[in-house]
Amino acid sequence: MESIRHLQRRYCGGALTVAVVLSAGCCLAGWPAMTRGLIIGSLFSALNFALLGKTMMRKLTAPRRGGGLITLVAQLGRYLLWAVPVVIAVKLPPVDLPATIAGLFMVPICIVTDSVFSVVRGRKSPLF
């Protein structure tokens, strides 16, 4: 459990840091809608990744009976969680839809980037 928590802090923290830096740049450039979209998308992406870790641990440690249904419901809940910022971006004009979608993929982008940098440096990737 501790190794998962370490990865959650590393990737979610990195994704949120990148989102805040990009949002500050967008705000200074005069694009407040992109700022809102990046922040909302990255927050929901980090929350989704945190819930993924909880679901994964429950799936690995839960008894066989009834664990599959709980995991399925949790997976559907995570998909619905990803839909919330998209609906917000579609319904509210002050939130940019492409920036929201980019924010939703902020944690996966940080995971892939970290793995590529680890391979380039010659170290073992945390994913492999």
Protein backbone atom coordinates (compact mmCIF):
# COMPACT_ATOMS: atom_id res chain seq x y z
CA MET A 1 0.00 0.00 0.00
CA GLU A 2 2.84 2.37 0.80
CA SER A 3 4.38 1.99 -2.67
CA ILE A 4 1.08 2.94 -4.26
CA ARG A 5 0.71 5.95 -1.99
CA HIS A 6 4.22 7.08 -2.95
CA LEU A 7 3.36 6.85 -6.64
CA GLN A 8 0.07 8.66 -6.09
CA ARG A 9 1.81 11.55 -4.36
CA ARG A 10 4.53 11.67 -7.00
CA TYR A 11 2.31 11.63 -10.06
CA CYS A 12 -0.65 13.60 -8.73
CA GLY A 13 1.63 16.23 -7.22
CA GLY A 14 3.58 16.52 -10.44
CA ALA A 15 0.44 16.75 -12.54
CA LEU A 16 -1.08 19.41 -10.32
CA THR A 17 2.18 21.38 -10.30
CA VAL A 18 2.39 21.30 -14.09
CA ALA A 19 -1.28 22.30 -14.33
CA VAL A 20 -0.79 25.26 -11.99
CA VAL A 21 2.28 26.46 -13.91
CA LEU A 22 0.50 26.12 -17.26
CA SER A 23 -2.59 27.80 -15.83
CA ALA A 24 -0.52 30.70 -14.54
CA GLY A 25 0.94 31.10 -18.01
CA CYS A 26 -2.53 31.01 -19.57
CA CYS A 27 -3.80 33.52 -17.04
CA LEU A 28 -0.92 35.88 -17.78
CA ALA A 29 -1.57 35.45 -21.51
CA GLY A 30 -5.17 36.50 -20.99
CA TRP A 31 -6.92 33.15 -21.40
CA PRO A 32 -8.94 32.68 -18.21
CA ALA A 33 -11.15 29.98 -19.76
CA MET A 34 -8.10 27.80 -20.46
CA THR A 35 -6.90 28.43 -16.91
CA ARG A 36 -10.17 27.16 -15.46
CA GLY A 37 -10.24 24.17 -17.80
CA LEU A 38 -6.72 23.03 -16.95
CA ILE A 39 -7.28 23.34 -13.22
CA ILE A 40 -10.64 21.56 -13.21
CA GLY A 41 -9.40 18.77 -15.49
CA SER A 42 -6.20 18.15 -13.55
CA LEU A 43 -8.02 18.11 -10.20
CA PHE A 44 -10.43 15.47 -11.44
CA SER A 45 -7.54 13.54 -13.02
CA ALA A 46 -5.69 13.45 -9.69
CA LEU A 47 -8.85 12.40 -7.87
CA ASN A 48 -9.43 9.65 -10.43
CA PHE A 49 -5.88 8.35 -9.98
CA ALA A 50 -6.26 8.35 -6.19
CA LEU A 51 -9.49 6.38 -6.47
CA LEU A 52 -7.80 3.98 -8.86
CA GLY A 53 -5.22 3.18 -6.19
CA LYS A 54 -7.91 2.56 -3.59
CA THR A 55 -9.88 0.34 -5.99
CA MET A 56 -6.79 -1.60 -6.97
CA MET A 57 -5.87 -2.31 -3.35
CA ARG A 58 -9.43 -3.39 -2.59
CA LYS A 59 -9.43 -5.69 -5.61
CA LEU A 60 -6.14 -7.28 -4.56
CA THR A 61 -6.95 -7.69 -0.88
CA ALA A 62 -10.72 -8.33 -0.90
CA PRO A 63 -12.14 -11.82 -0.74
CA ARG A 64 -13.14 -13.31 -4.07
CA ARG A 65 -16.83 -13.31 -3.33
CA GLY A 66 -18.50 -9.96 -3.98
CA GLY A 67 -15.26 -8.15 -4.75
CA GLY A 68 -15.88 -8.11 -8.48
CA LEU A 69 -19.17 -6.27 -8.21
CA ILE A 70 -17.70 -3.61 -5.94
CA THR A 71 -14.79 -3.15 -8.33
CA LEU A 72 -17.15 -2.85 -11.30
CA VAL A 73 -19.24 -0.22 -9.53
CA ALA A 74 -16.07 1.66 -8.54
CA GLN A 75 -14.88 1.58 -12.17
CA LEU A 76 -18.20 2.96 -13.39
CA GLY A 77 -18.01 5.63 -10.70
CA ARG A 78 -14.56 6.64 -11.90
CA TYR A 79 -15.85 6.96 -15.46
CA LEU A 80 -18.71 9.12 -14.25
CA LEU A 81 -16.18 11.17 -12.29
CA TRP A 82 -14.29 11.84 -15.53
CA ALA A 83 -17.53 12.98 -17.14
CA VAL A 84 -18.16 15.71 -14.55
CA PRO A 85 -15.50 18.20 -15.78
CA VAL A 86 -16.44 17.55 -19.41
CA VAL A 87 -20.09 18.36 -18.64
CA ILE A 88 -19.00 21.45 -16.72
CA ALA A 89 -16.89 22.59 -19.68
CA VAL A 90 -19.71 21.98 -22.15
CA LYS A 91 -22.40 23.69 -20.06
CA LEU A 92 -20.38 26.68 -18.82
CA PRO A 93 -18.86 29.04 -21.38
CA PRO A 94 -16.14 30.36 -19.02
CA VAL A 95 -14.48 26.91 -19.03
CA ASP A 96 -12.56 25.78 -22.12
CA LEU A 97 -13.38 22.22 -23.25
CA PRO A 98 -10.02 21.35 -24.92
CA ALA A 99 -8.13 22.62 -21.87
CA THR A 100 -10.37 20.56 -19.60
CA ILE A 101 -9.69 17.43 -21.64
CA ALA A 102 -5.96 18.20 -21.57
CA GLY A 103 -6.21 18.55 -17.80
CA LEU A 104 -7.94 15.17 -17.55
CA PHE A 105 -4.93 13.55 -19.19
CA MET A 106 -2.40 15.37 -17.01
CA VAL A 107 -1.68 12.43 -14.64
CA PRO A 108 -1.27 9.86 -17.45
CA ILE A 109 1.02 12.28 -19.28
CA CYS A 110 3.12 12.69 -16.11
CA ILE A 111 3.34 8.89 -15.72
CA VAL A 112 4.52 8.39 -19.29
CA THR A 113 6.94 11.32 -19.09
CA ASP A 114 8.45 10.00 -15.86
CA SER A 115 8.89 6.56 -17.40
CA VAL A 116 10.55 7.97 -20.52
CA PHE A 117 12.93 10.10 -18.45
CA SER A 118 13.81 7.09 -16.30
CA VAL A 119 14.60 4.98 -19.37
CA VAL A 120 16.66 7.78 -20.96
CA ARG A 121 18.67 8.23 -17.76
CA GLY A 122 19.40 4.50 -17.71
CA ARG A 123 17.47 3.77 -14.56
CA LYS A 124 14.71 1.26 -14.26
CA SER A 125 11.29 2.75 -14.84
CA PRO A 126 8.92 2.58 -11.85
CA LEU A 127 6.32 1.01 -14.14
CA PHE A 128 8.39 -1.90 -15.45
